[in-house]
Amino acid sequence: MTERAGPDAGPASHPTPRLLFDQNLAPALARRLADLYPGSAHVRELGLAAADDEVSWARAAADGYVIVTKDDDFRPRSFLRGPPPRVVCG
């Protein structure tokens, strides 16, 4: 039997993070990963497609998102400020 990850993994599991995909990633990612990461969104869905990184950062922090990005600008910001939000750079 294989252990399951995600919201049904049991009492020891952590809540599933809500991901906020940055403008440099495909908007379809939020839809494709909706089963694994419910409540996730792309910045376009939140009206942030043309927003400055600072605005996306503030929105993610306020709404409990983890930022997923290819933008290296978020990395130093996360080191200087710390969470929230958490940032995944790739």
Protein backbone atom coordinates (compact mmCIF):
# COMPACT_ATOMS: atom_id res chain seq x y z
CA MET A 1 0.00 0.00 0.00
CA THR A 2 1.30 3.46 -0.87
CA GLU A 3 1.10 6.37 1.54
CA ARG A 4 -0.89 9.31 0.30
CA ALA A 5 0.21 12.90 0.45
CA GLY A 6 -2.06 15.91 0.52
CA PRO A 7 -5.14 16.88 2.49
CA ASP A 8 -6.29 13.28 3.10
CA ALA A 9 -2.93 12.01 4.35
CA GLY A 10 -3.99 11.85 7.99
CA PRO A 11 -3.57 13.78 11.23
CA ALA A 12 0.23 14.11 10.98
CA SER A 13 0.07 15.82 7.59
CA HIS A 14 0.47 19.54 7.04
CA PRO A 15 -2.23 21.59 5.35
CA THR A 16 -1.91 21.70 1.59
CA PRO A 17 -0.35 25.02 0.55
CA ARG A 18 -2.17 27.37 -1.77
CA LEU A 19 0.17 28.30 -4.60
CA LEU A 20 0.32 31.65 -6.36
CA PHE A 21 1.90 31.23 -9.79
CA ASP A 22 3.83 34.28 -10.95
CA GLN A 23 3.33 35.90 -14.34
CA ASN A 24 6.37 34.11 -15.81
CA LEU A 25 4.59 30.74 -15.44
CA ALA A 26 1.69 29.38 -17.47
CA PRO A 27 -1.77 30.27 -16.17
CA ALA A 28 -2.85 26.68 -16.86
CA LEU A 29 -0.66 25.44 -13.99
CA ALA A 30 -3.17 26.52 -11.36
CA ARG A 31 -5.95 24.61 -13.13
CA ARG A 32 -3.81 21.53 -13.76
CA LEU A 33 -2.72 21.30 -10.15
CA ALA A 34 -6.09 22.19 -8.60
CA ASP A 35 -6.67 18.64 -7.29
CA LEU A 36 -3.32 18.59 -5.49
CA TYR A 37 -3.23 22.25 -4.44
CA PRO A 38 -6.81 23.47 -4.02
CA GLY A 39 -7.27 27.22 -3.77
CA SER A 40 -4.18 27.95 -5.86
CA ALA A 41 -4.25 30.74 -8.43
CA HIS A 42 -2.28 32.47 -11.14
CA VAL A 43 -1.56 36.18 -10.73
CA ARG A 44 -3.81 36.86 -13.76
CA GLU A 45 -6.79 35.38 -11.92
CA LEU A 46 -6.22 37.85 -9.09
CA GLY A 47 -5.83 40.89 -11.36
CA LEU A 48 -2.07 41.02 -10.76
CA ALA A 49 -0.77 40.18 -14.25
CA ALA A 50 0.91 43.58 -14.66
CA ALA A 51 1.55 44.15 -10.97
CA ASP A 52 4.94 44.90 -9.49
CA ASP A 53 6.61 42.06 -7.55
CA GLU A 54 6.00 43.98 -4.32
CA VAL A 55 2.24 43.93 -4.94
CA SER A 56 2.26 40.19 -5.64
CA TRP A 57 4.38 39.65 -2.51
CA ALA A 58 1.94 41.61 -0.34
CA ARG A 59 -1.08 39.79 -1.76
CA ALA A 60 0.52 36.38 -1.25
CA ALA A 61 1.44 37.26 2.34
CA ALA A 62 -2.02 38.61 3.14
CA ASP A 63 -3.90 35.69 1.59
CA GLY A 64 -1.63 32.83 2.66
CA TYR A 65 -0.17 31.85 -0.71
CA VAL A 66 3.21 30.32 -1.49
CA ILE A 67 4.71 32.16 -4.47
CA VAL A 68 5.91 29.91 -7.29
CA THR A 69 8.13 31.74 -9.76
CA LYS A 70 11.08 31.66 -12.14
CA ASP A 71 11.85 35.28 -11.18
CA ASP A 72 15.13 35.49 -9.27
CA ASP A 73 14.03 38.83 -7.76
CA PHE A 74 11.89 37.00 -5.21
CA ARG A 75 14.81 35.00 -3.79
CA PRO A 76 16.72 37.91 -2.16
CA ARG A 77 13.44 39.40 -0.96
CA SER A 78 12.57 36.14 0.78
CA PHE A 79 16.04 36.00 2.41
CA LEU A 80 15.77 39.59 3.65
CA ARG A 81 12.17 39.51 4.84
CA GLY A 82 11.49 35.87 5.57
CA PRO A 83 8.01 34.41 5.43
CA PRO A 84 5.24 34.99 4.86
CA PRO A 85 4.98 34.34 2.06
CA ARG A 86 7.15 31.38 1.32
CA VAL A 87 8.73 31.35 -2.14
CA VAL A 88 9.57 28.51 -4.51
CA CYS A 89 12.00 29.60 -7.23
CA GLY A 90 12.83 27.40 -10.17
